[in-house]
N, C-alpha and C. Protein backbone atom coordinates (compact mmCIF):
# COMPACT_ATOMS: atom_id res chain seq x y z
N THR A 1 -16.42 17.77 -1.79
CA THR A 1 -15.35 18.41 -1.60
C THR A 1 -15.81 19.60 -1.22
N LEU A 2 -15.39 20.30 -0.14
CA LEU A 2 -15.16 21.64 0.32
C LEU A 2 -14.52 22.85 0.16
N PRO A 3 -15.09 24.26 -0.21
CA PRO A 3 -14.27 25.26 -0.36
C PRO A 3 -12.77 25.56 0.29
N PHE A 4 -12.09 26.31 -0.48
CA PHE A 4 -11.33 27.19 0.01
C PHE A 4 -11.34 28.52 0.41
N LEU A 5 -11.48 29.09 1.02
CA LEU A 5 -12.08 30.68 1.57
C LEU A 5 -10.94 31.71 1.81
N GLY A 6 -10.03 31.22 2.43
CA GLY A 6 -8.98 31.95 2.57
C GLY A 6 -7.84 32.04 1.35
N SER A 7 -6.81 33.05 1.42
CA SER A 7 -6.16 33.09 0.40
C SER A 7 -4.92 32.22 0.54
N PRO A 8 -4.31 31.87 -0.59
CA PRO A 8 -3.32 30.81 -0.48
C PRO A 8 -2.07 31.65 0.11
N ALA A 9 -0.99 31.24 0.77
CA ALA A 9 -0.03 31.75 1.24
C ALA A 9 0.88 31.00 0.25
N PHE A 10 2.29 31.59 0.05
CA PHE A 10 3.60 31.26 -0.64
C PHE A 10 4.88 31.41 -0.14
N VAL A 11 5.70 30.54 0.20
CA VAL A 11 7.07 30.46 0.84
C VAL A 11 7.63 29.32 0.52
N ASN A 12 8.87 29.79 0.40
CA ASN A 12 9.96 29.09 -0.11
C ASN A 12 9.33 27.48 -1.44
N GLY A 13 8.94 28.18 -2.46
CA GLY A 13 8.42 27.06 -3.39
C GLY A 13 7.20 26.29 -2.75
N LYS A 14 6.38 26.81 -1.79
CA LYS A 14 5.05 25.84 -1.40
C LYS A 14 4.33 27.22 -1.33
N VAL A 15 2.78 26.39 -1.79
CA VAL A 15 1.32 27.15 -1.59
C VAL A 15 0.89 26.63 0.00
N ILE A 16 0.22 27.07 0.90
CA ILE A 16 -0.16 26.73 2.13
C ILE A 16 -1.57 27.41 2.03
N ILE A 17 -2.54 26.75 2.30
CA ILE A 17 -3.88 27.00 2.56
C ILE A 17 -4.89 26.18 3.27
N GLY A 18 -5.86 26.76 3.83
CA GLY A 18 -6.72 25.86 4.85
C GLY A 18 -7.54 25.50 4.38
N ASN A 19 -8.79 24.84 4.43
CA ASN A 19 -10.11 24.34 3.81
C ASN A 19 -10.83 24.00 4.97
N ARG A 20 -12.39 24.16 4.55
CA ARG A 20 -13.43 23.92 5.36
C ARG A 20 -13.26 22.62 5.88
N ASP A 21 -12.82 21.90 5.15
CA ASP A 21 -12.70 20.19 5.31
C ASP A 21 -11.84 20.03 6.72
N LYS A 22 -11.43 21.02 7.66
CA LYS A 22 -10.42 20.81 8.69
C LYS A 22 -9.34 20.94 8.38
N PHE A 23 -8.42 20.78 6.89
CA PHE A 23 -7.07 20.18 6.76
C PHE A 23 -6.46 21.62 6.43
N VAL A 24 -5.17 21.67 6.42
CA VAL A 24 -4.39 22.44 5.67
C VAL A 24 -3.91 22.04 4.88
N TYR A 25 -3.46 22.58 3.78
CA TYR A 25 -2.93 21.49 2.42
C TYR A 25 -1.34 22.57 2.17
N CYS A 26 -0.24 21.45 1.94
CA CYS A 26 0.78 22.67 1.50
C CYS A 26 1.02 21.52 0.02
N PHE A 27 1.31 22.50 -0.72
CA PHE A 27 1.28 21.93 -2.52
C PHE A 27 2.69 22.46 -2.78
N ASN A 28 3.21 21.99 -3.82
CA ASN A 28 4.59 22.55 -4.32
C ASN A 28 3.83 23.27 -5.43
N ALA A 29 4.28 24.27 -5.06
CA ALA A 29 3.70 25.52 -6.14
C ALA A 29 4.26 25.42 -7.79
N GLU A 30 5.46 24.83 -8.08
CA GLU A 30 5.45 24.48 -9.33
C GLU A 30 4.94 23.58 -10.42
N ASP A 31 4.97 22.40 -9.44
CA ASP A 31 4.02 21.22 -10.15
C ASP A 31 2.24 20.96 -9.64
N GLY A 32 1.97 21.48 -8.24
CA GLY A 32 0.71 21.09 -7.68
C GLY A 32 0.69 20.20 -6.93
N GLU A 33 2.01 19.07 -6.95
CA GLU A 33 1.86 17.87 -5.90
C GLU A 33 1.44 18.63 -4.50
N LEU A 34 0.59 17.32 -4.02
CA LEU A 34 0.37 17.67 -2.47
C LEU A 34 1.26 16.96 -1.76
N LEU A 35 2.30 18.06 -0.95
CA LEU A 35 3.51 17.73 -0.03
C LEU A 35 3.32 17.48 1.29
N TRP A 36 1.80 17.50 1.68
CA TRP A 36 1.00 17.34 3.26
C TRP A 36 0.37 17.87 3.59
N LYS A 37 -0.58 17.30 4.39
CA LYS A 37 -2.02 17.61 4.59
C LYS A 37 -1.99 17.21 6.13
N THR A 38 -2.64 18.23 6.99
CA THR A 38 -2.56 18.26 8.47
C THR A 38 -4.32 18.88 8.74
N ASN A 39 -4.92 17.60 9.84
CA ASN A 39 -5.96 17.95 9.96
C ASN A 39 -5.70 19.12 11.50
N THR A 40 -6.73 19.97 11.54
CA THR A 40 -6.77 21.04 12.91
C THR A 40 -8.01 20.63 13.35
N GLY A 41 -8.87 19.95 13.20
CA GLY A 41 -10.46 19.50 13.82
C GLY A 41 -11.23 20.28 13.59
N SER A 42 -10.83 21.50 12.88
CA SER A 42 -12.32 22.43 12.73
C SER A 42 -11.85 22.84 11.23
N ARG A 43 -13.04 23.58 10.81
CA ARG A 43 -13.18 24.08 9.60
C ARG A 43 -12.33 25.36 9.55
N ILE A 44 -11.47 25.81 8.42
CA ILE A 44 -10.30 26.66 8.36
C ILE A 44 -10.95 27.87 7.43
N ASP A 45 -11.45 29.28 7.83
CA ASP A 45 -11.84 29.87 6.91
C ASP A 45 -11.15 30.78 6.59
N GLY A 46 -10.00 31.10 7.83
CA GLY A 46 -9.39 32.59 7.40
C GLY A 46 -7.43 31.97 6.58
N SER A 47 -6.74 32.93 6.17
CA SER A 47 -6.07 32.73 5.58
C SER A 47 -4.73 32.49 6.24
N ALA A 48 -3.50 31.66 6.04
CA ALA A 48 -2.42 31.41 6.92
C ALA A 48 -1.21 32.42 6.84
N VAL A 49 -0.87 32.54 7.98
CA VAL A 49 0.00 33.41 8.13
C VAL A 49 1.50 32.72 8.13
N VAL A 50 2.51 32.90 6.97
CA VAL A 50 3.71 32.34 7.08
C VAL A 50 4.84 33.18 7.28
N ASN A 51 5.77 32.55 8.07
CA ASN A 51 7.56 33.11 7.70
C ASN A 51 8.19 31.57 7.15
N LYS A 52 9.45 31.88 7.41
CA LYS A 52 10.60 30.87 6.38
C LYS A 52 10.24 29.62 6.99
N ARG A 53 9.88 29.25 8.16
CA ARG A 53 9.58 27.77 8.88
C ARG A 53 8.41 27.83 9.10
N LYS A 54 7.45 28.39 9.62
CA LYS A 54 6.57 27.96 10.55
C LYS A 54 4.88 28.74 9.42
N ALA A 55 4.00 28.19 9.78
CA ALA A 55 2.43 28.72 9.31
C ALA A 55 1.75 28.80 10.68
N LEU A 56 1.17 29.90 10.58
CA LEU A 56 -0.12 30.21 11.60
C LEU A 56 -1.14 30.16 10.93
N VAL A 57 -2.02 29.14 11.47
CA VAL A 57 -3.42 28.92 10.92
C VAL A 57 -4.26 28.63 12.30
N VAL A 58 -5.66 29.57 12.06
CA VAL A 58 -6.73 29.18 13.01
C VAL A 58 -7.87 28.58 12.68
N ASN A 59 -8.61 28.43 13.02
CA ASN A 59 -9.83 27.60 12.79
C ASN A 59 -11.28 28.00 13.90
N MET A 60 -12.30 27.38 13.12
CA MET A 60 -13.69 27.60 13.67
C MET A 60 -13.57 27.44 15.29
N ARG A 61 -12.75 25.95 15.34
CA ARG A 61 -13.20 26.00 17.20
C ARG A 61 -12.52 26.71 18.17
N GLY A 62 -11.23 27.98 17.46
CA GLY A 62 -10.75 28.60 17.97
C GLY A 62 -9.44 27.71 18.48
N ASP A 63 -8.87 27.53 17.58
CA ASP A 63 -7.59 26.79 18.22
C ASP A 63 -6.57 27.54 17.10
N VAL A 64 -5.37 27.88 17.56
CA VAL A 64 -4.42 28.82 16.83
C VAL A 64 -3.33 27.74 17.12
N ASN A 65 -3.30 27.20 15.64
CA ASN A 65 -2.10 26.21 15.26
C ASN A 65 -0.89 26.91 14.96
N LEU A 66 0.45 26.50 15.31
CA LEU A 66 1.56 26.90 14.84
C LEU A 66 2.39 25.68 13.83
N ILE A 67 2.57 25.58 12.54
CA ILE A 67 2.58 24.46 12.00
C ILE A 67 3.91 24.65 11.27
N ASN A 68 5.06 23.66 11.23
CA ASN A 68 6.26 23.35 10.39
C ASN A 68 5.70 23.19 9.35
N HIS A 69 5.92 24.22 8.18
CA HIS A 69 5.51 23.87 6.96
C HIS A 69 6.73 23.06 5.99
N GLU A 70 7.43 22.17 6.53
CA GLU A 70 8.50 21.36 5.90
C GLU A 70 7.89 20.15 6.02
N ASN A 71 6.87 19.89 7.00
CA ASN A 71 6.70 18.32 7.08
C ASN A 71 4.82 18.56 7.62
N GLY A 72 4.37 19.60 7.78
CA GLY A 72 3.10 19.42 8.23
C GLY A 72 2.84 19.54 9.95
N GLU A 73 3.86 19.50 10.66
CA GLU A 73 3.57 19.01 12.11
C GLU A 73 2.85 20.32 12.98
N ILE A 74 1.89 20.00 13.68
CA ILE A 74 1.96 20.96 14.43
C ILE A 74 2.97 21.22 15.81
N ILE A 75 3.22 22.27 15.74
CA ILE A 75 4.41 22.61 16.98
C ILE A 75 3.83 23.21 18.01
N TRP A 76 2.34 24.19 17.85
CA TRP A 76 2.07 24.52 19.13
C TRP A 76 0.85 24.70 18.77
N THR A 77 -0.13 24.81 19.78
CA THR A 77 -1.30 25.18 19.48
C THR A 77 -2.26 25.73 21.20
N TYR A 78 -2.63 26.80 20.73
CA TYR A 78 -3.94 27.24 21.52
C TYR A 78 -4.97 27.53 21.62
N GLN A 79 -5.69 27.21 22.55
CA GLN A 79 -7.17 26.99 22.77
C GLN A 79 -7.68 28.13 22.90
N LEU A 80 -8.32 29.21 21.77
CA LEU A 80 -8.74 30.51 22.13
C LEU A 80 -10.13 30.33 22.92
N GLY A 81 -10.95 29.38 22.44
CA GLY A 81 -12.26 28.75 23.17
C GLY A 81 -13.41 29.42 22.76
N SER A 82 -13.04 30.53 21.14
CA SER A 82 -14.50 31.02 20.67
C SER A 82 -13.68 30.84 19.19
N GLY A 83 -14.32 30.76 18.36
CA GLY A 83 -13.90 30.71 16.72
C GLY A 83 -13.47 31.98 15.97
N VAL A 84 -12.59 31.55 15.10
CA VAL A 84 -11.96 32.40 14.58
C VAL A 84 -12.04 32.31 13.01
N MET A 85 -12.85 33.10 12.26
CA MET A 85 -13.19 33.26 10.80
C MET A 85 -12.14 33.53 9.69
N LYS A 86 -11.49 34.93 10.45
CA LYS A 86 -10.54 35.47 9.80
C LYS A 86 -9.14 35.32 10.04
N SER A 87 -8.23 35.78 8.89
CA SER A 87 -6.87 35.66 9.00
C SER A 87 -6.21 36.25 10.67
N PRO A 88 -5.53 35.54 11.05
CA PRO A 88 -4.57 36.39 12.27
C PRO A 88 -3.76 37.51 11.52
N ALA A 89 -3.30 38.32 12.36
CA ALA A 89 -2.27 39.47 12.12
C ALA A 89 -1.31 39.17 13.03
N VAL A 90 0.02 39.25 12.59
CA VAL A 90 1.33 39.03 13.76
C VAL A 90 1.83 40.45 13.13
N ILE A 91 2.56 40.96 14.77
CA ILE A 91 3.07 42.08 14.60
C ILE A 91 4.14 42.51 15.44
N GLU A 92 5.20 42.38 15.56
CA GLU A 92 6.42 42.45 16.82
C GLU A 92 6.22 41.37 17.49
N GLY A 93 5.86 39.84 17.25
CA GLY A 93 6.10 38.95 17.99
C GLY A 93 4.47 38.77 18.56
N ARG A 94 3.59 39.85 18.48
CA ARG A 94 2.51 39.26 18.94
C ARG A 94 1.15 38.88 17.57
N ILE A 95 0.17 38.06 18.06
CA ILE A 95 -0.67 37.42 17.49
C ILE A 95 -2.18 38.13 17.67
N PHE A 96 -2.65 38.62 16.54
CA PHE A 96 -3.91 39.71 16.86
C PHE A 96 -5.23 38.57 16.25
N LEU A 97 -6.10 38.16 17.19
CA LEU A 97 -7.02 37.35 16.44
C LEU A 97 -8.52 38.50 16.84
N ALA A 98 -9.59 38.50 15.72
CA ALA A 98 -10.86 38.66 15.87
C ALA A 98 -11.62 37.55 16.22
N SER A 99 -12.20 37.29 16.97
CA SER A 99 -13.20 36.13 17.13
C SER A 99 -14.59 36.52 17.13
N THR A 100 -15.26 35.16 17.19
CA THR A 100 -16.69 35.54 16.77
C THR A 100 -17.55 35.55 18.06
N ASP A 101 -16.93 35.58 19.19
CA ASP A 101 -17.49 36.06 19.92
C ASP A 101 -17.72 37.61 20.42
N GLY A 102 -16.98 38.01 19.73
CA GLY A 102 -17.09 39.81 19.30
C GLY A 102 -15.57 40.66 19.90
N ASN A 103 -14.96 39.48 20.59
CA ASN A 103 -13.75 40.09 20.87
C ASN A 103 -12.52 40.29 20.19
N LEU A 104 -11.39 41.11 20.67
CA LEU A 104 -10.01 41.12 20.04
C LEU A 104 -9.00 40.50 20.64
N TYR A 105 -8.50 39.63 20.25
CA TYR A 105 -7.48 39.02 21.41
C TYR A 105 -6.36 38.91 20.94
N CYS A 106 -5.03 39.32 21.88
CA CYS A 106 -3.62 39.54 21.60
C CYS A 106 -3.17 38.41 22.59
N LEU A 107 -2.13 37.57 21.75
CA LEU A 107 -1.42 36.66 21.95
C LEU A 107 0.13 37.00 22.16
N SER A 108 0.73 36.77 23.12
CA SER A 108 2.12 37.00 23.09
C SER A 108 2.65 36.36 23.90
N LYS A 109 3.80 36.53 24.13
CA LYS A 109 5.07 35.91 24.84
C LYS A 109 5.17 36.05 26.40
């Protein structure tokens, strides 16, 4: 079993957390039941950022994934091209990412 390094995110009675085994897990906060898990393709070291419907999760391959936290479906993916070890920040519709290539990236519409 691989470790959970990021902090869990809590939303709508669910706990969402990424693991070094490449999966994002969603648990029922009340009883701990696994509701879903989704493979992102690479290990996840940072914490998810959540809102009422979606979770933003980054991985060490450099994938930025927007996941529907009702069912675990990946809604949108952007390939940054360089790994992201830490949690993203979301400010006024922009996603900020510190990459292992030493750069700070900002994604927006």
